[in-house]
Amino acid sequence: FLLRLLGDQGDGIRARLRRQKALKLATGKQVGKAYTPEEKERLLVAAKAARSPVIYPALMMALHAGMRDAEIRTMQWARLDLFSPRPYITVGDSKTEAGEGRTIPLNSELLEAMVEYSKWYTKRFGTIQPDWYVFAFGKPWPKDPTRPVVSLKTAWKNARKKAKVEGRWHDNRHTFITGLAESGEAGDETIRDMAGHVSNQMLKHYSHIRMEAKRRAVESLVSKKADTVTVTPKTAASEVEMPAMLEGSAKESTKVEHIN
């Protein structure tokens, strides 16, 4: 736009930048990653042993529900159903319109972590109010349940350092979506619904399918081939001869009837 404003002088600058291969601005490389199972385990062990009582349940929400940082920090108890036969989370304010109000089932590990945390929370504040924040304001210990925690950065940094794992908090979300994609149990629509995405491009952006998952997928073709029934020439012949015999019998029957 600026080069066009400069007119003829801009054309000269554009030509020079093109020769120098500097006309287009460099774009940043994709830094997202999915943690390996070993890295996940080390992160959770470190978080569980941390001084902060909120980092472990918050990390469990990120890894097992794929929630964004702000969605976790502003979660209220009214949106967390722990004691129904089918426990689930209802996401509140979200980065995207598709993300707001989405529901995510709690698997057994996340449910266990949140029930234990709710016991600690009740002991800390005496009770739980529906409009109180799950991760209350205060550092390093929650102090005001009517306000959400400001940041998880320090606790996350300490846990990550102790676990000797490189990555960002948002990579927990990458890990969740990648795990769903690799599981074979969730289709694209299910993943988009739980993650709050609507585009295939974003799904591809988050789903870093590892080579081992691809290898299992192609190997499954071998198993299916082995299960296929093999038709031998002898079997095929018998299947062909029987209709011919029946056809011959039918013709003979017709002939006898005609003579009579």
Protein backbone atom coordinates (compact mmCIF):
# COMPACT_ATOMS: atom_id res chain seq x y z
CA PHE A 1 0.00 0.00 0.00
CA LEU A 2 2.82 2.39 0.88
CA LEU A 3 4.67 1.51 -2.32
CA ARG A 4 1.56 2.29 -4.36
CA LEU A 5 1.28 5.67 -2.64
CA LEU A 6 4.83 6.48 -3.77
CA GLY A 7 3.89 6.04 -7.43
CA ASP A 8 6.86 5.73 -9.82
CA GLN A 9 9.33 5.87 -6.95
CA GLY A 10 7.46 3.00 -5.29
CA ASP A 11 7.76 0.94 -8.48
CA GLY A 12 11.54 1.34 -8.33
CA ILE A 13 11.67 0.33 -4.67
CA ARG A 14 9.41 -2.66 -5.38
CA ALA A 15 11.67 -3.87 -8.20
CA ARG A 16 14.76 -3.55 -6.00
CA LEU A 17 13.11 -5.44 -3.10
CA ARG A 18 11.98 -8.17 -5.48
CA ARG A 19 15.56 -8.65 -6.74
CA GLN A 20 16.72 -8.89 -3.13
CA LYS A 21 13.89 -11.36 -2.39
CA ALA A 22 12.78 -9.04 0.39
CA LEU A 23 9.43 -7.88 -0.98
CA LYS A 24 7.38 -10.23 1.19
CA LEU A 25 7.65 -10.08 4.96
CA ALA A 26 8.90 -13.21 6.67
CA THR A 27 6.21 -15.20 8.47
CA GLY A 28 6.75 -16.98 11.76
CA LYS A 29 7.07 -20.75 11.82
CA GLN A 30 4.39 -22.85 13.46
CA VAL A 31 5.51 -23.46 17.05
CA GLY A 32 2.61 -25.62 18.19
CA LYS A 33 3.35 -29.15 19.37
CA ALA A 34 1.66 -32.11 21.00
CA TYR A 35 3.30 -33.50 24.12
CA THR A 36 4.31 -37.14 24.08
CA PRO A 37 2.70 -39.51 26.63
CA GLU A 38 5.95 -39.44 28.60
CA GLU A 39 6.02 -35.64 28.65
CA LYS A 40 2.38 -35.53 29.75
CA GLU A 41 3.09 -37.87 32.63
CA ARG A 42 6.09 -35.83 33.79
CA LEU A 43 4.11 -32.60 33.60
CA LEU A 44 1.25 -34.03 35.66
CA VAL A 45 3.59 -35.47 38.29
CA ALA A 46 5.35 -32.11 38.61
CA ALA A 47 2.04 -30.22 38.76
CA LYS A 48 0.65 -32.52 41.44
CA ALA A 49 3.71 -31.93 43.61
CA ALA A 50 3.69 -28.15 43.07
CA ARG A 51 3.14 -25.57 45.81
CA SER A 52 0.18 -24.11 43.92
CA PRO A 53 -3.01 -26.13 44.57
CA VAL A 54 -4.61 -25.04 41.29
CA ILE A 55 -2.01 -25.95 38.68
CA TYR A 56 -2.73 -29.71 38.72
CA PRO A 57 -6.54 -29.53 38.22
CA ALA A 58 -6.06 -26.70 35.70
CA LEU A 59 -3.55 -28.78 33.75
CA MET A 60 -5.91 -31.74 33.82
CA MET A 61 -8.63 -29.55 32.31
CA ALA A 62 -6.26 -28.45 29.55
CA LEU A 63 -5.06 -31.97 28.74
CA HIS A 64 -8.36 -33.85 29.15
CA ALA A 65 -10.89 -31.22 28.02
CA GLY A 66 -8.81 -29.11 25.61
CA MET A 67 -9.91 -25.85 27.19
CA ARG A 68 -8.09 -22.58 26.52
CA ASP A 69 -6.27 -20.68 29.26
CA ALA A 70 -8.95 -17.99 29.67
CA GLU A 71 -11.75 -20.59 29.59
CA ILE A 72 -10.12 -22.44 32.48
CA ARG A 73 -9.32 -19.37 34.56
CA THR A 74 -12.86 -17.98 34.30
CA MET A 75 -14.67 -21.30 34.88
CA GLN A 76 -17.42 -21.09 37.51
CA TRP A 77 -18.72 -23.99 39.57
CA ALA A 78 -22.19 -23.69 38.02
CA ARG A 79 -20.67 -24.83 34.71
CA LEU A 80 -19.00 -27.88 36.20
CA ASP A 81 -21.30 -30.88 36.72
CA LEU A 82 -19.42 -33.40 38.84
CA PHE A 83 -22.10 -35.52 40.46
CA SER A 84 -24.58 -36.42 37.73
CA PRO A 85 -24.45 -39.90 36.13
CA ARG A 86 -22.79 -38.29 33.10
CA PRO A 87 -20.53 -35.47 34.39
CA TYR A 88 -19.55 -32.71 31.98
CA ILE A 89 -18.24 -29.14 31.62
CA THR A 90 -20.11 -26.30 29.94
CA VAL A 91 -17.66 -23.71 28.65
CA GLY A 92 -18.48 -20.06 29.39
CA ASP A 93 -16.99 -17.05 27.59
CA SER A 94 -14.72 -18.21 24.79
CA LYS A 95 -12.38 -16.86 22.15
CA THR A 96 -14.72 -18.02 19.38
CA GLU A 97 -18.48 -18.04 18.97
CA ALA A 98 -18.36 -21.80 18.34
CA GLY A 99 -16.47 -22.29 21.59
CA GLU A 100 -18.93 -20.55 23.89
CA GLY A 101 -21.47 -22.86 25.53
CA ARG A 102 -19.94 -26.06 24.20
CA THR A 103 -20.12 -29.12 26.43
CA ILE A 104 -17.24 -31.49 27.15
CA PRO A 105 -17.69 -34.82 28.96
CA LEU A 106 -15.39 -35.48 31.91
CA ASN A 107 -13.42 -38.68 31.54
CA SER A 108 -12.66 -40.73 34.65
CA GLU A 109 -9.24 -39.17 35.31
CA LEU A 110 -10.44 -35.57 34.99
CA LEU A 111 -13.50 -36.33 37.11
CA GLU A 112 -11.34 -37.80 39.87
CA ALA A 113 -9.02 -34.77 39.82
CA MET A 114 -11.89 -32.27 39.99
CA VAL A 115 -13.73 -34.11 42.77
CA GLU A 116 -10.56 -34.12 44.87
CA TYR A 117 -10.02 -30.44 44.13
CA SER A 118 -13.63 -29.63 45.08
CA LYS A 119 -12.99 -31.23 48.50
CA TRP A 120 -9.91 -29.06 48.99
CA TYR A 121 -11.85 -25.99 47.80
CA THR A 122 -14.69 -26.67 50.26
CA LYS A 123 -12.22 -27.03 53.09
CA ARG A 124 -10.54 -23.78 52.03
CA PHE A 125 -13.67 -21.62 51.73
CA GLY A 126 -16.20 -23.55 53.84
CA THR A 127 -18.61 -24.12 50.94
CA ILE A 128 -18.98 -23.84 47.15
CA GLN A 129 -21.27 -21.26 45.55
CA PRO A 130 -22.40 -21.75 41.92
CA ASP A 131 -21.18 -18.29 40.86
CA TRP A 132 -17.78 -18.65 42.52
CA TYR A 133 -14.75 -19.27 40.34
CA VAL A 134 -13.24 -22.74 40.29
CA PHE A 135 -9.75 -21.22 40.27
CA ALA A 136 -10.06 -18.35 42.70
CA PHE A 137 -8.01 -15.17 42.91
CA GLY A 138 -4.86 -15.28 45.04
CA LYS A 139 -1.21 -16.28 44.82
CA PRO A 140 0.14 -18.79 45.63
CA TRP A 141 -3.03 -19.82 47.50
CA PRO A 142 -6.59 -18.83 46.46
CA LYS A 143 -8.04 -16.07 48.66
CA ASP A 144 -11.13 -14.61 46.96
CA PRO A 145 -13.52 -17.07 45.22
CA THR A 146 -15.62 -14.22 43.77
CA ARG A 147 -12.73 -13.30 41.46
CA PRO A 148 -10.88 -15.52 38.97
CA VAL A 149 -7.18 -16.27 39.14
CA VAL A 150 -5.22 -13.71 37.11
CA SER A 151 -2.60 -16.03 35.63
CA LEU A 152 -1.25 -19.58 35.73
CA LYS A 153 2.06 -18.62 34.11
CA THR A 154 4.33 -18.85 37.14
CA ALA A 155 2.95 -22.18 38.37
CA TRP A 156 3.03 -23.58 34.83
CA LYS A 157 6.61 -22.40 34.28
CA ASN A 158 7.75 -24.04 37.53
CA ALA A 159 5.99 -27.33 36.73
CA ARG A 160 7.36 -27.40 33.20
CA LYS A 161 10.88 -26.68 34.43
CA LYS A 162 10.68 -29.44 37.03
CA ALA A 163 9.33 -31.88 34.44
CA LYS A 164 12.08 -30.86 31.98
CA VAL A 165 9.56 -30.33 29.19
CA GLU A 166 9.72 -27.59 26.54
CA GLY A 167 6.46 -26.08 25.34
CA ARG A 168 3.65 -23.62 25.91
CA TRP A 169 0.46 -23.85 27.93
CA HIS A 170 -1.53 -23.80 24.69
CA ASP A 171 0.29 -26.97 23.62
CA ASN A 172 -1.82 -28.82 26.20
CA ARG A 173 -4.79 -28.04 23.95
CA HIS A 174 -2.83 -29.26 20.91
CA THR A 175 -2.16 -32.47 22.82
CA PHE A 176 -5.83 -32.99 23.65
CA ILE A 177 -7.01 -32.55 20.06
CA THR A 178 -4.17 -34.65 18.66
CA GLY A 179 -5.04 -37.42 21.11
CA LEU A 180 -8.67 -37.38 19.96
CA ALA A 181 -7.62 -37.50 16.32
CA GLU A 182 -5.27 -40.42 16.95
CA SER A 183 -7.75 -42.39 19.05
CA GLY A 184 -9.97 -43.31 16.12
CA GLU A 185 -12.97 -42.86 18.43
CA ALA A 186 -13.80 -39.27 17.47
CA GLY A 187 -14.72 -37.96 14.02
CA ASP A 188 -13.94 -34.46 12.81
CA GLU A 189 -17.35 -33.12 13.86
CA THR A 190 -16.95 -34.49 17.40
CA ILE A 191 -13.49 -32.98 17.71
CA ARG A 192 -14.65 -29.61 16.39
CA ASP A 193 -17.61 -29.63 18.77
CA MET A 194 -15.46 -30.26 21.86
CA ALA A 195 -12.64 -27.97 20.76
CA GLY A 196 -14.86 -25.12 19.61
CA HIS A 197 -13.55 -25.06 16.03
CA VAL A 198 -15.57 -24.82 12.86
CA SER A 199 -12.96 -25.02 10.08
CA ASN A 200 -11.02 -27.97 8.69
CA GLN A 201 -7.97 -25.73 8.45
CA MET A 202 -7.97 -25.15 12.20
CA LEU A 203 -8.51 -28.86 12.85
CA LYS A 204 -5.49 -29.68 10.71
CA HIS A 205 -3.52 -26.94 12.47
CA TYR A 206 -4.04 -28.56 15.86
CA SER A 207 -3.96 -32.27 14.92
CA HIS A 208 -0.27 -33.12 14.75
CA ILE A 209 -0.78 -36.77 13.88
CA ARG A 210 2.41 -38.60 14.79
CA MET A 211 4.03 -41.19 12.52
CA GLU A 212 3.17 -44.08 14.85
CA ALA A 213 -0.55 -43.34 14.50
CA LYS A 214 -0.17 -43.25 10.71
CA ARG A 215 1.73 -46.52 10.83
CA ARG A 216 -1.08 -48.18 12.81
CA ALA A 217 -3.60 -46.89 10.30
CA VAL A 218 -1.85 -48.40 7.27
CA GLU A 219 -1.06 -51.61 9.18
CA SER A 220 -4.79 -52.05 9.84
CA LEU A 221 -5.22 -52.59 6.09
CA VAL A 222 -3.08 -55.72 6.38
CA SER A 223 -5.27 -57.10 9.14
CA LYS A 224 -8.40 -56.52 7.09
CA LYS A 225 -6.85 -58.33 4.13
CA ALA A 226 -5.99 -61.31 6.32
CA ASP A 227 -9.60 -61.53 7.50
CA THR A 228 -10.97 -61.68 3.94
CA VAL A 229 -12.35 -65.11 2.91
CA THR A 230 -10.28 -66.66 0.12
CA VAL A 231 -12.27 -68.37 -2.64
CA THR A 232 -10.44 -71.43 -4.00
CA PRO A 233 -10.86 -72.62 -7.60
CA LYS A 234 -12.59 -75.76 -6.28
CA THR A 235 -15.12 -73.70 -4.32
CA ALA A 236 -15.72 -71.43 -7.27
CA ALA A 237 -16.32 -74.42 -9.56
CA SER A 238 -18.84 -75.99 -7.21
CA GLU A 239 -20.69 -72.67 -6.98
CA VAL A 240 -20.86 -72.48 -10.78
CA GLU A 241 -21.83 -76.12 -11.34
CA MET A 242 -24.79 -76.10 -8.97
CA PRO A 243 -26.84 -73.47 -10.83
CA ALA A 244 -26.05 -75.27 -14.10
CA MET A 245 -27.38 -78.55 -12.68
CA LEU A 246 -30.50 -76.82 -11.44
CA GLU A 247 -30.99 -75.22 -14.83
CA GLY A 248 -30.62 -78.62 -16.50
CA SER A 249 -33.21 -80.15 -14.15
CA ALA A 250 -35.62 -77.36 -14.95
CA LYS A 251 -35.24 -77.94 -18.69
CA GLU A 252 -35.77 -81.71 -18.28
CA SER A 253 -38.89 -81.07 -16.19
CA THR A 254 -40.28 -78.81 -18.89
CA LYS A 255 -39.56 -81.40 -21.57
CA VAL A 256 -41.41 -84.18 -19.69
CA GLU A 257 -44.37 -81.95 -19.11
CA HIS A 258 -44.55 -81.11 -22.82
CA ILE A 259 -44.56 -84.84 -23.78
CA ASN A 260 -47.34 -85.60 -21.34
